[in-house]
Amino acid sequence: MADHYEVLGVERDASPDEIKKAYRRLARELHPDVNPSAEAQERFKLVTHAYDVLSDPQQRQQYDLGGSGGFGGGAGAGDFAGFSDIFETFFGGGGGATRGPRSRRERGQDALLRVEVDLDEVIFGTHRDLEVDTAVVCETCNGSCCQPGTQPVTCDICHGTGSIQRSVRSLLGNVMTSSPCGTCRGYGTVIATPCVTCQGQGRVRARRTVPVDIPAGVDTGLRLQMPGSGEAGPAGGPNGDLYLEIKVKHHDVFSRDGDDLLCTLELSMTDAILGTTATVKALDGDIRLELKPGTQSADIVTVKDRGITHLRGTGRGDLRVGIQVVTPTKLDHKEKDLIKKFAAVHKGPEPSLARFQQGLFAKLRDRFLNL
C-alpha cells in the first residue's frame, strides 16, 4: 500500500495548507479531463484517497500511528498483512480477493406427500405410482435458462464479478465495501434472451409419475425419504428430496398393536361349551382355529407369525384373536325347556362378585370395547 505522504509529495510534518496545495497541484495534472491515460487515472485515485485521509485530522492521526505498510508511520508491510483480511470479514471487500459471483444453479425444494395405505398392504409392503405436481427441468433450454442457441453474457456493470465495490469513509479511513450487483443480482452474467418456455428459470411446473416401494411394517406418521425425487432446482440445479408421510387406513375387522394384528371372534354359547373348529379369513388368507371346550369370553387365541412383517429386521408379528361368547337373547319354548333341563343338571353357584382381575379387565376393555 503506497504511503499517502509520498503520494502527495509532502513531508510527514506538513501542515494542512501544504497538503491541500499539493493535492490541488496533482489534481490539476492528473484529472481525467486533463490527462485521460490509464496511468494518470490510477494515480488520481491514489492522490484523492491520500488527500481524503490526510485532510481529516482524526484519520491522519490514526494513519500516522499505523505505519506506512498499513496506515502510515514506520511499521513494515508484513506487520499489518492481516488487516485487509479483517476489512474483508467486516465489510465484504478490502484488499483481499472477492468471493466471486454466485451460481444460478440451486438445489430444489423438498416436497411432502401424504400416502394412505390399507392395513393388508402393510403386512408385506406395496408399490405405488404417485402423480406429483412439481418443478421439472425445462426441456426447451435443458436448464440453461437461455433461448436455444444463446448463452448468458457477462454483466457490463460488475464485469462478471457479481459485486460492486464502493469506497466508504469511516473512522479508519476510506474502506472498500462490496455489495451484490443490482443489474445481474450477483450472478455476474445476464440472461439477454431468456427461454420463452420457462421465462429464464430453467424449470417448469409439470406432473410426473414417481414410483414408490412402500416397505412392510410402516405405520401412521412414519416418513419415508426419497433422495432426489423432490423439485428440480433453478437453472438445472439438483433435485430436492421427496418425503412420504404414511397413513394406514382404518379396518373394520382388524386393528394393530405394534406388529401384532388383533381381531374379535364371536362364538356361540354351545360352541364355547363343547369346543369347536373355526376357519376365519385373515388379511393374508384363511386361518383354522381350534377352540377347546369351556372357552370363555376374553380368552385370547394366538396364531404365531400371522401379523405384520417387522419394518426393520425379519419375521412377523402374531395374530391375536379375542373370544366373545354370544348369549342368545331370543329363545322359543322348546329351547328354553332344554336350557332349564341343562341348568337343573349342571347347577352352578349363585351369582356373586368375583375377585377383581386386572388382566381380565384389560382384555375386555382393549379387545372388545375398542375393536
Protein backbone atom coordinates (compact mmCIF):
# COMPACT_ATOMS: atom_id res chain seq x y z
CA MET A 1 0.00 0.00 0.00
CA ALA A 2 1.55 3.33 -1.08
CA ASP A 3 2.45 5.88 1.59
CA HIS A 4 -0.04 8.77 1.49
CA TYR A 5 2.65 11.40 2.17
CA GLU A 6 4.78 10.05 -0.67
CA VAL A 7 1.76 10.02 -2.99
CA LEU A 8 1.16 13.73 -2.33
CA GLY A 9 4.89 14.54 -2.25
CA VAL A 10 4.88 16.20 1.16
CA GLU A 11 6.76 15.67 4.43
CA ARG A 12 5.16 13.93 7.39
CA ASP A 13 5.08 17.18 9.36
CA ALA A 14 3.40 19.05 6.51
CA SER A 15 0.68 21.49 7.53
CA PRO A 16 -2.95 21.12 6.36
CA ASP A 17 -2.42 24.02 3.91
CA GLU A 18 0.66 22.33 2.40
CA ILE A 19 -1.30 19.10 1.98
CA LYS A 20 -4.16 20.97 0.30
CA LYS A 21 -1.82 22.79 -2.09
CA ALA A 22 -0.06 19.52 -3.03
CA TYR A 23 -3.39 17.85 -3.74
CA ARG A 24 -4.67 20.71 -5.92
CA ARG A 25 -1.44 20.74 -7.92
CA LEU A 26 -1.58 16.98 -8.57
CA ALA A 27 -5.33 17.02 -9.26
CA ARG A 28 -4.92 19.64 -12.00
CA GLU A 29 -2.21 17.47 -13.52
CA LEU A 30 -3.87 14.06 -13.23
CA HIS A 31 -7.62 14.79 -13.57
CA PRO A 32 -9.22 12.55 -16.28
CA ASP A 33 -10.47 15.63 -18.14
CA VAL A 34 -6.86 16.82 -18.49
CA ASN A 35 -4.97 13.52 -18.68
CA PRO A 36 -7.12 10.59 -19.94
CA SER A 37 -4.35 7.98 -19.75
CA ALA A 38 -4.95 4.87 -17.63
CA GLU A 39 -1.80 5.51 -15.57
CA ALA A 40 -2.95 9.05 -14.76
CA GLN A 41 -6.38 7.76 -13.68
CA GLU A 42 -4.83 5.28 -11.28
CA ARG A 43 -2.54 7.95 -9.81
CA PHE A 44 -5.51 10.33 -9.50
CA LYS A 45 -7.35 7.73 -7.43
CA LEU A 46 -4.34 7.31 -5.14
CA VAL A 47 -3.93 11.07 -4.77
CA THR A 48 -7.61 11.56 -3.97
CA HIS A 49 -7.57 8.75 -1.42
CA ALA A 50 -4.40 10.09 0.21
CA TYR A 51 -5.90 13.58 0.50
CA ASP A 52 -9.15 12.21 1.99
CA VAL A 53 -7.15 10.58 4.76
CA LEU A 54 -4.59 13.32 5.48
CA SER A 55 -7.05 16.22 5.28
CA ASP A 56 -9.08 14.74 8.14
CA PRO A 57 -7.22 15.33 11.46
CA GLN A 58 -8.62 12.22 13.12
CA GLN A 59 -7.93 9.94 10.16
CA ARG A 60 -4.45 11.44 9.77
CA GLN A 61 -3.66 10.74 13.43
CA GLN A 62 -4.80 7.12 13.09
CA TYR A 63 -2.81 6.78 9.88
CA ASP A 64 0.35 8.14 11.49
CA LEU A 65 0.03 5.63 14.30
CA GLY A 66 -0.35 2.74 11.91
CA GLY A 67 2.82 2.82 9.77
CA SER A 68 3.47 3.03 6.06
CA GLY A 69 2.64 -0.63 5.49
CA GLY A 70 -0.84 -0.21 6.91
CA PHE A 71 -1.90 3.29 7.97
CA GLY A 72 1.41 5.23 7.80
CA GLY A 73 4.41 5.52 10.19
CA GLY A 74 7.39 3.21 10.43
CA ALA A 75 6.00 -0.38 10.62
CA GLY A 76 6.63 -2.80 7.77
CA ALA A 77 4.02 -4.20 5.44
CA GLY A 78 4.25 -7.64 6.99
CA ASP A 79 3.23 -6.30 10.42
CA PHE A 80 -0.23 -5.44 9.10
CA ALA A 81 -0.67 -8.13 6.47
CA GLY A 82 -3.78 -9.46 8.16
CA PHE A 83 -5.54 -6.09 8.28
CA SER A 84 -7.01 -6.48 4.79
CA ASP A 85 -8.48 -9.84 5.90
CA ILE A 86 -10.16 -8.10 8.83
CA PHE A 87 -11.63 -5.50 6.46
CA GLU A 88 -12.89 -8.23 4.17
CA THR A 89 -14.52 -10.02 7.08
CA PHE A 90 -16.39 -6.94 8.33
CA PHE A 91 -17.03 -5.01 5.14
CA GLY A 92 -17.09 -7.69 2.40
CA GLY A 93 -14.28 -6.07 0.40
CA GLY A 94 -10.91 -4.52 1.12
CA GLY A 95 -7.56 -5.76 -0.10
CA GLY A 96 -8.47 -9.46 -0.23
CA ALA A 97 -9.96 -11.38 -3.13
CA THR A 98 -13.72 -11.31 -3.57
CA ARG A 99 -15.78 -14.43 -3.33
CA GLY A 100 -16.87 -14.21 -6.92
CA PRO A 101 -20.34 -14.40 -8.49
CA ARG A 102 -22.92 -16.75 -7.12
CA SER A 103 -24.26 -19.62 -9.17
CA ARG A 104 -27.72 -19.62 -10.72
CA ARG A 105 -27.91 -23.34 -10.05
CA GLU A 106 -29.57 -24.01 -6.72
CA ARG A 107 -30.90 -27.12 -5.05
CA GLY A 108 -34.62 -27.64 -5.47
CA GLN A 109 -37.03 -27.62 -2.55
CA ASP A 110 -38.05 -30.73 -0.68
CA ALA A 111 -41.63 -31.96 -1.10
CA LEU A 112 -44.00 -33.75 1.28
CA LEU A 113 -46.77 -36.13 0.20
CA ARG A 114 -49.26 -37.97 2.38
CA VAL A 115 -49.95 -41.53 1.25
CA GLU A 116 -52.80 -43.72 2.52
CA VAL A 117 -52.30 -47.48 2.56
CA ASP A 118 -54.62 -50.30 3.53
CA LEU A 119 -53.83 -52.47 6.53
CA ASP A 120 -53.37 -55.57 4.37
CA GLU A 121 -50.78 -53.67 2.28
CA VAL A 122 -48.77 -53.04 5.42
CA ILE A 123 -48.22 -56.77 6.03
CA PHE A 124 -45.89 -57.34 3.08
CA GLY A 125 -45.42 -53.80 1.70
CA THR A 126 -46.78 -52.41 -1.54
CA HIS A 127 -45.91 -50.43 -4.66
CA ARG A 128 -47.46 -47.14 -5.73
CA ASP A 129 -47.04 -44.91 -8.78
CA LEU A 130 -47.69 -41.43 -7.40
CA GLU A 131 -48.68 -38.48 -9.58
CA VAL A 132 -46.77 -35.44 -8.35
CA ASP A 133 -47.31 -31.81 -9.39
CA THR A 134 -43.80 -30.39 -9.10
CA ALA A 135 -40.99 -28.45 -10.81
CA VAL A 136 -39.06 -30.27 -13.53
CA VAL A 137 -36.15 -29.26 -15.74
CA CYS A 138 -37.27 -27.23 -18.77
CA GLU A 139 -36.95 -29.41 -21.85
CA THR A 140 -36.60 -26.43 -24.17
CA CYS A 141 -33.43 -24.98 -22.63
CA ASN A 142 -32.39 -28.06 -20.62
CA GLY A 143 -31.99 -25.89 -17.52
CA SER A 144 -29.72 -23.25 -19.09
CA CYS A 145 -32.40 -20.53 -18.73
CA CYS A 146 -31.47 -19.21 -22.21
CA GLN A 147 -33.24 -19.47 -25.50
CA PRO A 148 -31.66 -22.34 -27.51
CA GLY A 149 -28.60 -21.14 -29.40
CA THR A 150 -27.82 -18.37 -26.89
CA GLN A 151 -25.96 -18.16 -23.61
CA PRO A 152 -25.57 -15.74 -20.68
CA VAL A 153 -23.47 -12.65 -21.30
CA THR A 154 -21.06 -11.05 -18.86
CA CYS A 155 -22.57 -8.22 -16.85
CA ASP A 156 -21.14 -4.91 -18.11
CA ILE A 157 -21.64 -3.26 -14.71
CA CYS A 158 -19.70 -5.63 -12.45
CA HIS A 159 -17.70 -7.19 -15.30
CA GLY A 160 -18.57 -10.70 -14.20
CA THR A 161 -17.59 -10.38 -10.55
CA GLY A 162 -21.17 -10.32 -9.29
CA SER A 163 -20.42 -7.48 -6.87
CA ILE A 164 -19.86 -3.75 -6.83
CA GLN A 165 -17.11 -2.21 -4.73
CA ARG A 166 -17.55 1.23 -3.23
CA SER A 167 -15.29 3.44 -1.11
CA VAL A 168 -16.91 4.37 2.19
CA ARG A 169 -15.41 6.89 4.60
CA SER A 170 -15.09 5.63 8.18
CA LEU A 171 -13.12 6.26 11.33
CA LEU A 172 -10.39 4.09 9.90
CA GLY A 173 -10.24 5.99 6.65
CA ASN A 174 -11.74 5.09 3.31
CA VAL A 175 -12.85 1.47 3.33
CA MET A 176 -13.78 -0.54 0.26
CA THR A 177 -17.11 -2.30 0.70
CA SER A 178 -18.61 -4.91 -1.57
CA SER A 179 -22.30 -5.49 -2.34
CA PRO A 180 -24.16 -7.66 -4.89
CA CYS A 181 -24.53 -6.11 -8.30
CA GLY A 182 -28.05 -4.82 -8.79
CA THR A 183 -28.01 -5.44 -12.53
CA CYS A 184 -27.13 -9.15 -12.54
CA ARG A 185 -28.23 -9.78 -8.92
CA GLY A 186 -24.83 -11.15 -8.04
CA TYR A 187 -24.65 -13.77 -10.80
CA GLY A 188 -22.00 -11.99 -12.84
CA THR A 189 -23.93 -12.71 -16.03
CA VAL A 190 -27.18 -11.52 -17.57
CA ILE A 191 -29.72 -13.63 -19.49
CA ALA A 192 -30.11 -11.48 -22.58
CA THR A 193 -32.57 -13.82 -24.32
CA PRO A 194 -34.39 -15.88 -21.68
CA CYS A 195 -36.10 -19.14 -22.64
CA VAL A 196 -39.71 -18.43 -23.59
CA THR A 197 -40.89 -21.74 -22.12
CA CYS A 198 -39.60 -21.29 -18.58
CA GLN A 199 -39.14 -17.47 -18.63
CA GLY A 200 -35.48 -17.89 -17.78
CA GLN A 201 -35.98 -20.08 -14.73
CA GLY A 202 -34.61 -23.30 -16.18
CA ARG A 203 -37.59 -25.27 -14.83
CA VAL A 204 -41.35 -25.51 -15.31
CA ARG A 205 -44.31 -26.91 -13.38
CA ALA A 206 -45.48 -30.30 -14.58
CA ARG A 207 -47.00 -33.56 -13.40
CA ARG A 208 -44.72 -36.55 -13.25
CA THR A 209 -45.01 -40.11 -12.01
CA VAL A 210 -42.86 -41.19 -9.09
CA PRO A 211 -42.65 -44.96 -8.47
CA VAL A 212 -42.60 -45.75 -4.76
CA ASP A 213 -41.92 -49.03 -2.97
CA ILE A 214 -43.56 -48.78 0.46
CA PRO A 215 -41.88 -51.26 2.79
CA ALA A 216 -43.73 -53.70 5.01
CA GLY A 217 -44.34 -52.69 8.60
CA VAL A 218 -44.95 -48.96 8.10
CA ASP A 219 -47.30 -47.20 10.47
CA THR A 220 -49.25 -43.95 10.59
CA GLY A 221 -46.97 -40.94 10.97
CA LEU A 222 -43.88 -42.63 9.55
CA ARG A 223 -41.98 -40.57 6.96
CA LEU A 224 -40.05 -42.14 4.13
CA GLN A 225 -37.30 -40.13 2.43
CA MET A 226 -36.70 -40.42 -1.31
CA PRO A 227 -33.48 -38.52 -2.13
CA GLY A 228 -33.51 -36.60 -5.39
CA SER A 229 -37.24 -37.07 -6.05
CA GLY A 230 -38.31 -33.56 -4.99
CA GLU A 231 -38.49 -30.37 -7.04
CA ALA A 232 -35.87 -29.59 -9.68
CA GLY A 233 -33.66 -26.67 -8.75
CA PRO A 234 -33.45 -23.35 -10.63
CA ALA A 235 -31.16 -23.26 -13.67
CA GLY A 236 -30.87 -27.04 -13.78
CA GLY A 237 -29.88 -27.36 -10.13
CA PRO A 238 -30.13 -30.73 -8.34
CA ASN A 239 -33.49 -32.01 -7.17
CA GLY A 240 -34.58 -31.78 -3.58
CA ASP A 241 -35.87 -34.78 -1.64
CA LEU A 242 -39.37 -36.22 -1.53
CA TYR A 243 -40.84 -37.21 1.84
CA LEU A 244 -43.79 -39.58 2.11
CA GLU A 245 -45.89 -39.41 5.26
CA ILE A 246 -47.78 -42.66 5.77
CA LYS A 247 -51.34 -43.01 6.98
CA VAL A 248 -52.73 -46.52 7.50
CA LYS A 249 -56.47 -46.66 6.82
CA HIS A 250 -58.89 -47.90 9.46
CA HIS A 251 -60.03 -51.52 9.06
CA ASP A 252 -63.45 -52.65 10.23
CA VAL A 253 -62.30 -56.09 11.46
CA PHE A 254 -58.60 -55.95 12.26
CA SER A 255 -56.61 -53.47 14.30
CA ARG A 256 -52.95 -53.17 15.14
CA ASP A 257 -50.86 -53.41 18.28
CA GLY A 258 -47.26 -52.84 17.21
CA ASP A 259 -46.60 -55.62 14.71
CA ASP A 260 -49.43 -57.80 16.06
CA LEU A 261 -52.88 -57.93 14.50
CA LEU A 262 -55.95 -58.01 16.74
CA CYS A 263 -59.46 -59.19 15.97
CA THR A 264 -62.55 -60.49 17.76
CA LEU A 265 -64.22 -63.85 17.15
CA GLU A 266 -67.87 -64.14 18.17
CA LEU A 267 -68.62 -67.64 19.47
CA SER A 268 -71.97 -69.19 20.28
CA MET A 269 -72.62 -70.39 23.78
CA THR A 270 -72.85 -74.02 22.74
CA ASP A 271 -69.60 -73.89 20.75
CA ALA A 272 -67.91 -72.27 23.73
CA ILE A 273 -69.16 -75.08 25.99
CA LEU A 274 -68.40 -78.01 23.69
CA GLY A 275 -65.44 -76.58 21.78
CA THR A 276 -65.25 -76.28 18.00
CA THR A 277 -63.06 -75.67 14.98
CA ALA A 278 -63.44 -72.33 13.16
CA THR A 279 -61.98 -71.07 9.89
CA VAL A 280 -61.62 -67.30 9.70
CA LYS A 281 -60.48 -65.07 6.86
CA ALA A 282 -57.35 -63.19 7.83
CA LEU A 283 -55.78 -60.37 5.82
CA ASP A 284 -53.36 -62.80 4.15
CA GLY A 285 -55.52 -65.92 3.81
CA ASP A 286 -57.68 -68.32 5.84
CA ILE A 287 -56.71 -69.43 9.35
CA ARG A 288 -58.02 -72.52 11.13
CA LEU A 289 -58.64 -72.06 14.85
CA GLU A 290 -59.01 -74.91 17.36
CA LEU A 291 -61.23 -73.78 20.25
CA LYS A 292 -61.15 -76.00 23.34
CA PRO A 293 -64.29 -76.89 25.32
CA GLY A 294 -65.12 -74.35 28.00
CA THR A 295 -63.80 -71.35 26.10
CA GLN A 296 -64.56 -68.14 27.96
CA SER A 297 -65.18 -64.58 26.84
CA ALA A 298 -61.94 -62.57 26.77
CA ASP A 299 -59.83 -65.64 26.10
CA ILE A 300 -57.06 -64.91 23.62
CA VAL A 301 -56.08 -67.35 20.89
CA THR A 302 -52.64 -66.50 19.45
CA VAL A 303 -51.62 -67.52 15.94
CA LYS A 304 -47.88 -67.17 15.55
CA ASP A 305 -46.30 -65.30 12.61
CA ARG A 306 -49.58 -64.14 11.04
CA GLY A 307 -49.21 -60.48 11.95
CA ILE A 308 -47.33 -57.65 10.24
CA THR A 309 -43.80 -58.00 8.89
CA HIS A 310 -41.26 -56.15 11.02
CA LEU A 311 -40.22 -52.84 9.48
CA ARG A 312 -36.57 -53.35 10.37
CA GLY A 313 -35.48 -56.95 10.57
CA THR A 314 -37.06 -60.25 9.64
CA GLY A 315 -40.11 -62.18 10.78
CA ARG A 316 -43.67 -61.18 11.52
CA GLY A 317 -45.80 -60.37 14.50
CA ASP A 318 -48.67 -62.55 15.72
CA LEU A 319 -52.41 -62.62 15.15
CA ARG A 320 -54.29 -62.45 18.43
CA VAL A 321 -57.93 -63.43 18.36
CA GLY A 322 -60.10 -62.31 21.28
CA ILE A 323 -63.10 -64.55 22.04
CA GLN A 324 -66.51 -63.08 22.70
CA VAL A 325 -69.15 -65.61 23.75
CA VAL A 326 -72.54 -64.55 22.44
CA THR A 327 -75.51 -65.31 24.72
CA PRO A 328 -78.76 -65.87 22.81
CA THR A 329 -81.47 -63.30 23.57
CA LYS A 330 -84.49 -64.85 21.82
CA LEU A 331 -85.45 -68.48 22.57
CA ASP A 332 -88.63 -70.40 21.76
CA HIS A 333 -90.35 -72.62 24.34
CA LYS A 334 -88.53 -75.76 23.31
CA GLU A 335 -85.13 -74.07 23.54
CA LYS A 336 -85.98 -72.62 26.92
CA ASP A 337 -87.02 -76.06 28.23
CA LEU A 338 -83.70 -77.51 27.07
CA ILE A 339 -81.79 -74.75 28.81
CA LYS A 340 -83.78 -75.29 32.00
CA LYS A 341 -83.04 -79.02 31.94
CA PHE A 342 -79.36 -78.27 31.43
CA ALA A 343 -79.40 -75.79 34.30
CA ALA A 344 -81.08 -78.36 36.57
CA VAL A 345 -78.40 -80.94 35.79
CA HIS A 346 -75.47 -78.52 35.82
CA LYS A 347 -76.29 -76.44 38.85
CA GLY A 348 -73.77 -73.59 39.12
CA PRO A 349 -73.03 -71.24 42.01
CA GLU A 350 -75.22 -68.29 42.79
CA PRO A 351 -74.27 -65.03 41.05
CA SER A 352 -71.70 -63.14 43.10
CA LEU A 353 -68.93 -60.59 42.69
CA ALA A 354 -65.63 -62.19 41.77
CA ARG A 355 -62.15 -61.09 42.75
CA PHE A 356 -61.02 -58.19 40.57
CA GLN A 357 -58.52 -59.25 37.90
CA GLN A 358 -56.62 -56.50 36.12
CA GLY A 359 -55.71 -58.81 33.23
CA LEU A 360 -59.29 -59.78 32.54
CA PHE A 361 -60.48 -56.20 32.74
CA ALA A 362 -57.75 -55.07 30.35
CA LYS A 363 -58.64 -57.82 27.89
CA LEU A 364 -62.30 -56.90 27.94
CA ARG A 365 -61.53 -53.23 27.50
CA ASP A 366 -58.82 -53.47 24.85
CA ARG A 367 -60.01 -56.43 22.84
CA PHE A 368 -63.76 -55.89 22.74
CA LEU A 369 -64.68 -52.33 23.53
CA ASN A 370 -62.08 -50.81 21.18
CA LEU A 371 -62.16 -53.24 18.26
